[in-house]
Each structure stands twice: as structure tokens, then as C-alpha cells.
Amino acid sequence: MELGIKNKTALITGASKGLGYYIATALAKEGCNIGFCARTKEDVNSALVQLKKLNVKVVGIVADVTNEHGIKDVYDETTNTIGPIDILINNVGGSTGRTFDTTTDEDWQSTIDLNLISGIQLIRMCLPNMKENSWGRIINISSIYGREHGGGLTYMTTKSALISMSKHLAIDLASTGITVNTIAPGSIYFEGGRWDRFQKENTPEFVQDFIKNNLPMGKFGWPEPIADLAVFLSSQNAGLITGTSINVDGGQSKSLI
């Protein structure tokens, strides 16, 4: 399938490893030039080595996107090195604070900044060029726990806010040629990720009980389907898809909407 995104510029946050890295790799294989960021220089350099093997332009930026300086560095270095951003993937995420009584104001603010505000600020920077070109793709990585109850309090709250913001923005931009969608992964295993740690930190019996009670396919998910979906939503072929939130979870989620 010809996706029509060769030589487009894609920016992916939190992409030195995990889901972001898989998405960056999949877009590079379709001919997109890649800008990406992460907090750790060693991780950025390691990802750079691999992505450059795919014969596209790549820039990796060491930055913390929870502050305005980091956001500006990521945007400026990508656009100055590769060109204006056509595809924005807000992938970075995480949380602190799980219950109301134990969650501080600092926990709330840091999770809001990471899961929501960083994406809003990058969208704001990318929109003028997308509007000028009458084309753009914005994909925000949420979670099934942004669509139904689950996970920690701050995580669930901010991931659902990300979906709400994306829906509203998609409708606002529907006539401009810019689409806005969210992807909601379930429990996805990759080396070094949360579910890798979960399996290492718990007994095999506990892990199997979790799988039996929560994962209908009988196993954790894997990153490639999420990356492939992100590529399709980034493509010319997905021009009629906007304002959606798509679960990729092997049937794990329970919500009907």
C-alpha cells in the first residue's frame, strides 16, 4: 500500500526506546525523516545509530518536554535540521501518584505536564505550518485507562484529558486537512518497559493470574501493531479518520465506547 508520506517530517516524543522507538522505526521505513527526543543522552545516541541505518534524515534531541525550554529545543532542532513538522506523535507519558490521599500537588502537576501539557505545547508550535500546507497528522498516545477505569489516579485522569482535548481539537481542525487521533494501548510488553518489570518483580504464579484475569488473548500485547496503526493514521490514506481513539489491546478493555 502506498501511504504517501515519503519525505514527510515526523516528530516523536519519548522515542529512544519502547513504543516511541517502534513508531519512529516504522515511520522511517516508510521514508519519513525523523526527529525524536528523550531525556537520556546515551539512549538518544543508541536510537540514532539504529534509525540512521534506515537511510532517512534523523535528529535526536536530549530534552525534557515537561518544561518550555525542552519543548522549544525539540521543535527548533527538528525544524532547523530536517524541516517543518508534518506528523507529530505525542508519545511521552507516565505518572506519579496512585491514590487520592497519597498524591501531592507536585505529583499532579508533574503528571499533567508530562501527559497533557507537553503535547499541547508541541501541537501549538506545529499547527501554523500544518495549516499553511493544509495537511498535517497529530497522533496522541493515550491508554485504555484514558477510556475506562484503571491504572493510577493521575495517569487515568490525564490520559482521559488527552483524549478529550484531541477530540475537541480534531473537530476544530476538521476543515483544514489536519487530522487528530489518539491511540489507546493496553498492556504492551517490550524490553525495559513496565510490563517487563512487572514480570521480573512478581512470581510466575502472580503474573499468570494477571494474564488469566485481564488479557483475553492469554499474553501481553506487543509494540508492532501500535506502530503500524500510527503509520496508517499518519498516511494520506487516513484522511477521513479524525477525532477517534483506537484501542490496541487484544480485547483487554471492557468499555463499549
Protein backbone atom coordinates (compact mmCIF):
# COMPACT_ATOMS: atom_id res chain seq x y z
CA MET A 1 0.00 0.00 0.00
CA GLU A 2 1.35 3.41 -0.97
CA LEU A 3 0.94 5.64 2.08
CA GLY A 4 2.12 8.91 0.53
CA ILE A 5 4.35 10.04 3.40
CA LYS A 6 7.81 9.57 1.94
CA ASN A 7 10.00 12.60 2.77
CA LYS A 8 7.48 13.92 5.30
CA THR A 9 8.99 15.04 8.61
CA ALA A 10 7.77 13.26 11.73
CA LEU A 11 8.50 14.28 15.32
CA ILE A 12 8.04 11.63 18.02
CA THR A 13 8.50 12.38 21.71
CA GLY A 14 9.90 9.81 24.12
CA ALA A 15 11.21 7.73 21.24
CA SER A 16 14.65 6.45 22.23
CA LYS A 17 13.05 3.12 23.19
CA GLY A 18 9.70 1.48 23.79
CA LEU A 19 6.59 2.36 21.80
CA GLY A 20 8.03 5.65 20.59
CA TYR A 21 11.07 3.92 19.14
CA TYR A 22 8.91 1.33 17.36
CA ILE A 23 6.76 4.13 15.90
CA ALA A 24 9.82 6.10 14.78
CA THR A 25 11.27 3.00 13.13
CA ALA A 26 8.03 2.17 11.33
CA LEU A 27 7.71 5.73 10.00
CA ALA A 28 11.34 5.75 8.88
CA LYS A 29 10.75 2.53 6.95
CA GLU A 30 8.04 4.39 5.03
CA GLY A 31 10.55 7.10 4.11
CA CYS A 32 9.73 9.71 6.76
CA ASN A 33 12.52 11.85 8.13
CA ILE A 34 12.59 11.53 11.89
CA GLY A 35 13.04 13.92 14.78
CA PHE A 36 12.80 12.38 18.24
CA CYS A 37 13.64 13.18 21.82
CA ALA A 38 14.35 11.54 25.14
CA ARG A 39 15.85 12.61 28.45
CA THR A 40 18.98 10.47 28.40
CA LYS A 41 21.89 11.15 26.06
CA GLU A 42 23.01 7.52 26.00
CA ASP A 43 19.53 6.35 24.96
CA VAL A 44 19.24 9.04 22.29
CA ASN A 45 22.61 8.13 20.80
CA SER A 46 21.76 4.41 20.75
CA ALA A 47 18.48 5.05 18.91
CA LEU A 48 20.22 7.41 16.48
CA VAL A 49 22.63 4.67 15.41
CA GLN A 50 19.76 2.33 14.56
CA LEU A 51 17.47 4.86 12.88
CA LYS A 52 20.23 6.21 10.64
CA LYS A 53 20.57 2.72 9.15
CA LEU A 54 17.15 3.25 7.52
CA ASN A 55 18.54 5.88 5.11
CA VAL A 56 16.42 8.82 6.18
CA LYS A 57 17.32 12.10 7.84
CA VAL A 58 17.32 11.70 11.62
CA VAL A 59 17.90 14.07 14.51
CA GLY A 60 17.82 13.02 18.15
CA ILE A 61 17.42 15.63 20.87
CA VAL A 62 18.18 15.24 24.57
CA ALA A 63 15.37 17.17 26.22
CA ASP A 64 12.80 17.19 29.00
CA VAL A 65 9.46 18.07 27.40
CA THR A 66 7.85 18.89 30.74
CA ASN A 67 9.31 22.39 30.55
CA GLU A 68 9.08 25.08 27.89
CA HIS A 69 12.82 25.14 27.21
CA GLY A 70 12.82 21.43 26.42
CA ILE A 71 9.79 21.77 24.17
CA LYS A 72 11.39 24.64 22.27
CA ASP A 73 14.68 22.75 21.87
CA VAL A 74 12.88 19.73 20.41
CA TYR A 75 10.85 21.81 17.97
CA ASP A 76 13.68 24.12 16.91
CA GLU A 77 16.28 21.43 16.40
CA THR A 78 13.92 19.25 14.38
CA THR A 79 12.71 22.02 12.10
CA ASN A 80 16.16 23.58 11.68
CA THR A 81 17.83 20.25 10.89
CA ILE A 82 15.18 18.42 8.89
CA GLY A 83 12.37 20.80 8.07
CA PRO A 84 8.83 21.76 9.12
CA ILE A 85 6.94 19.06 11.00
CA ASP A 86 4.20 17.29 9.07
CA ILE A 87 3.49 14.47 11.53
CA LEU A 88 3.52 14.89 15.31
CA ILE A 89 3.38 11.86 17.61
CA ASN A 90 2.99 12.83 21.27
CA ASN A 91 4.13 9.57 22.81
CA VAL A 92 5.88 10.59 26.02
CA GLY A 93 3.97 9.62 29.16
CA GLY A 94 4.00 8.30 32.69
CA SER A 95 2.73 9.25 36.13
CA THR A 96 3.38 9.73 39.81
CA GLY A 97 0.68 9.28 42.45
CA ARG A 98 -1.84 6.42 42.52
CA THR A 99 -4.40 7.19 45.24
CA PHE A 100 -6.05 10.47 46.18
CA ASP A 101 -4.80 10.55 49.77
CA THR A 102 -1.18 9.87 48.86
CA THR A 103 -0.95 12.09 45.76
CA THR A 104 0.63 15.50 46.27
CA ASP A 105 0.11 18.69 44.27
CA GLU A 106 3.59 18.12 42.85
CA ASP A 107 2.55 14.63 41.67
CA TRP A 108 -0.50 16.09 39.97
CA GLN A 109 1.44 18.87 38.27
CA SER A 110 4.30 16.69 37.05
CA THR A 111 1.89 14.15 35.52
CA ILE A 112 -0.25 16.86 33.91
CA ASP A 113 2.87 18.46 32.44
CA LEU A 114 4.13 15.13 31.09
CA ASN A 115 0.95 13.55 29.75
CA LEU A 116 -1.01 16.59 28.62
CA ILE A 117 0.74 19.97 28.56
CA SER A 118 3.82 18.77 26.66
CA GLY A 119 1.59 17.59 23.82
CA ILE A 120 -0.47 20.77 23.82
CA GLN A 121 2.63 22.94 23.58
CA LEU A 122 4.12 20.95 20.70
CA ILE A 123 0.81 20.98 18.84
CA ARG A 124 0.67 24.75 19.22
CA MET A 125 4.13 25.05 17.66
CA CYS A 126 3.42 22.66 14.78
CA LEU A 127 -0.02 23.91 13.77
CA PRO A 128 0.92 27.09 11.85
CA ASN A 129 2.96 25.17 9.26
CA MET A 130 0.38 22.38 9.03
CA LYS A 131 -2.35 24.95 8.42
CA GLU A 132 -0.24 26.70 5.79
CA ASN A 133 0.20 23.39 3.95
CA SER A 134 -3.43 22.32 4.50
CA TRP A 135 -2.08 18.97 5.72
CA GLY A 136 -0.94 17.51 9.00
CA ARG A 137 -1.23 14.47 11.22
CA ILE A 138 -1.34 14.67 15.02
CA ILE A 139 -1.42 11.42 16.98
CA ASN A 140 -1.52 11.38 20.77
CA ILE A 141 -0.67 8.16 22.59
CA SER A 142 -3.15 7.68 25.42
CA SER A 143 -4.15 4.41 27.11
CA ILE A 144 -7.15 2.15 27.56
CA TYR A 145 -7.16 3.71 31.04
CA GLY A 146 -7.93 7.04 29.44
CA ARG A 147 -11.16 5.43 28.23
CA GLU A 148 -12.24 3.45 31.28
CA HIS A 149 -11.33 2.93 34.93
CA GLY A 150 -7.85 1.55 35.62
CA GLY A 151 -4.29 2.48 36.44
CA GLY A 152 -3.23 5.19 38.87
CA LEU A 153 -5.37 8.23 39.61
CA THR A 154 -3.17 10.86 37.95
CA TYR A 155 -2.46 8.61 34.97
CA MET A 156 -6.12 7.86 34.29
CA THR A 157 -7.14 11.50 34.73
CA THR A 158 -4.50 12.93 32.40
CA LYS A 159 -4.83 10.25 29.73
CA SER A 160 -8.59 10.80 29.56
CA ALA A 161 -7.96 14.55 29.35
CA LEU A 162 -5.61 13.90 26.43
CA ILE A 163 -8.39 12.04 24.60
CA SER A 164 -10.88 14.84 25.33
CA MET A 165 -8.51 17.52 24.10
CA SER A 166 -7.78 15.52 20.95
CA LYS A 167 -11.48 15.07 20.15
CA HIS A 168 -12.22 18.77 20.53
CA LEU A 169 -9.16 19.80 18.51
CA ALA A 170 -9.98 17.30 15.75
CA ILE A 171 -13.40 18.88 15.23
CA ASP A 172 -11.95 22.38 15.33
CA LEU A 173 -9.42 21.43 12.62
CA ALA A 174 -11.62 19.15 10.52
CA SER A 175 -11.84 21.55 7.57
CA THR A 176 -8.10 22.28 7.45
CA GLY A 177 -6.64 18.99 6.18
CA ILE A 178 -5.18 18.26 9.62
CA THR A 179 -6.34 15.15 11.47
CA VAL A 180 -6.06 14.48 15.21
CA ASN A 181 -6.41 11.00 16.68
CA THR A 182 -5.43 9.05 19.77
CA ILE A 183 -4.18 5.51 20.17
CA ALA A 184 -5.03 3.70 23.40
CA PRO A 185 -2.67 0.78 24.07
CA GLY A 186 -3.40 -1.93 26.58
CA SER A 187 -0.75 -3.90 28.46
CA ILE A 188 2.09 -3.92 25.91
CA TYR A 189 5.32 -5.77 26.62
CA PHE A 190 8.70 -4.56 25.45
CA GLU A 191 12.14 -4.93 26.96
CA GLY A 192 12.72 -2.48 29.78
CA GLY A 193 9.08 -1.41 29.88
CA ARG A 194 6.51 -1.51 32.66
CA TRP A 195 5.28 -5.00 31.88
CA ASP A 196 8.82 -6.31 31.59
CA ARG A 197 9.46 -5.00 35.11
CA PHE A 198 6.12 -6.38 36.28
CA GLN A 199 7.11 -9.89 35.24
CA LYS A 200 10.55 -9.62 36.81
CA GLU A 201 9.25 -8.20 40.11
CA ASN A 202 6.47 -10.75 40.68
CA THR A 203 6.22 -14.51 40.96
CA PRO A 204 5.34 -16.52 37.85
CA GLU A 205 2.08 -17.53 39.55
CA PHE A 206 1.10 -13.90 40.15
CA VAL A 207 1.91 -12.97 36.56
CA GLN A 208 -0.11 -15.87 35.19
CA ASP A 209 -3.08 -14.90 37.35
CA PHE A 210 -2.88 -11.37 35.97
CA ILE A 211 -2.79 -12.65 32.40
CA LYS A 212 -5.68 -15.06 33.01
CA ASN A 213 -7.87 -12.38 34.60
CA ASN A 214 -7.05 -9.43 32.34
CA LEU A 215 -5.70 -10.48 28.93
CA PRO A 216 -8.19 -12.47 26.80
CA MET A 217 -5.51 -13.48 24.29
CA GLY A 218 -3.58 -15.15 27.08
CA LYS A 219 -0.50 -12.99 26.62
CA PHE A 220 0.76 -9.42 26.76
CA GLY A 221 0.49 -7.23 23.70
CA TRP A 222 3.47 -6.31 21.51
CA PRO A 223 4.53 -2.95 20.04
CA GLU A 224 4.39 -3.54 16.28
CA PRO A 225 0.59 -3.26 15.86
CA ILE A 226 0.65 0.11 17.62
CA ALA A 227 3.47 1.32 15.40
CA ASP A 228 1.68 0.10 12.28
CA LEU A 229 -1.52 1.87 13.30
CA ALA A 230 0.40 5.08 13.95
CA VAL A 231 1.90 4.85 10.46
CA PHE A 232 -1.51 4.35 8.86
CA LEU A 233 -3.06 7.24 10.79
CA SER A 234 -0.10 9.36 9.64
CA SER A 235 -0.70 8.50 5.99
CA GLN A 236 -2.58 10.09 3.13
CA ASN A 237 -4.94 7.11 3.24
CA ALA A 238 -6.31 8.07 6.67
CA GLY A 239 -7.64 11.46 5.61
CA LEU A 240 -11.21 10.68 6.73
CA ILE A 241 -10.18 9.44 10.16
CA THR A 242 -10.12 12.17 12.79
CA GLY A 243 -11.35 12.58 16.35
CA THR A 244 -11.05 8.87 17.03
CA SER A 245 -9.49 6.97 19.91
CA ILE A 246 -8.50 3.47 18.87
CA ASN A 247 -7.78 0.70 21.36
CA VAL A 248 -4.92 -1.69 20.64
CA ASP A 249 -5.29 -4.14 23.49
CA GLY A 250 -6.18 -7.66 22.39
CA GLY A 251 -9.67 -7.31 23.89
CA GLN A 252 -8.40 -6.22 27.30
CA SER A 253 -10.62 -3.15 27.72
CA LYS A 254 -14.27 -3.52 28.71
CA SER A 255 -15.84 -0.23 27.60
CA LEU A 256 -18.38 -0.23 24.77
CA ILE A 257 -17.37 3.29 23.66
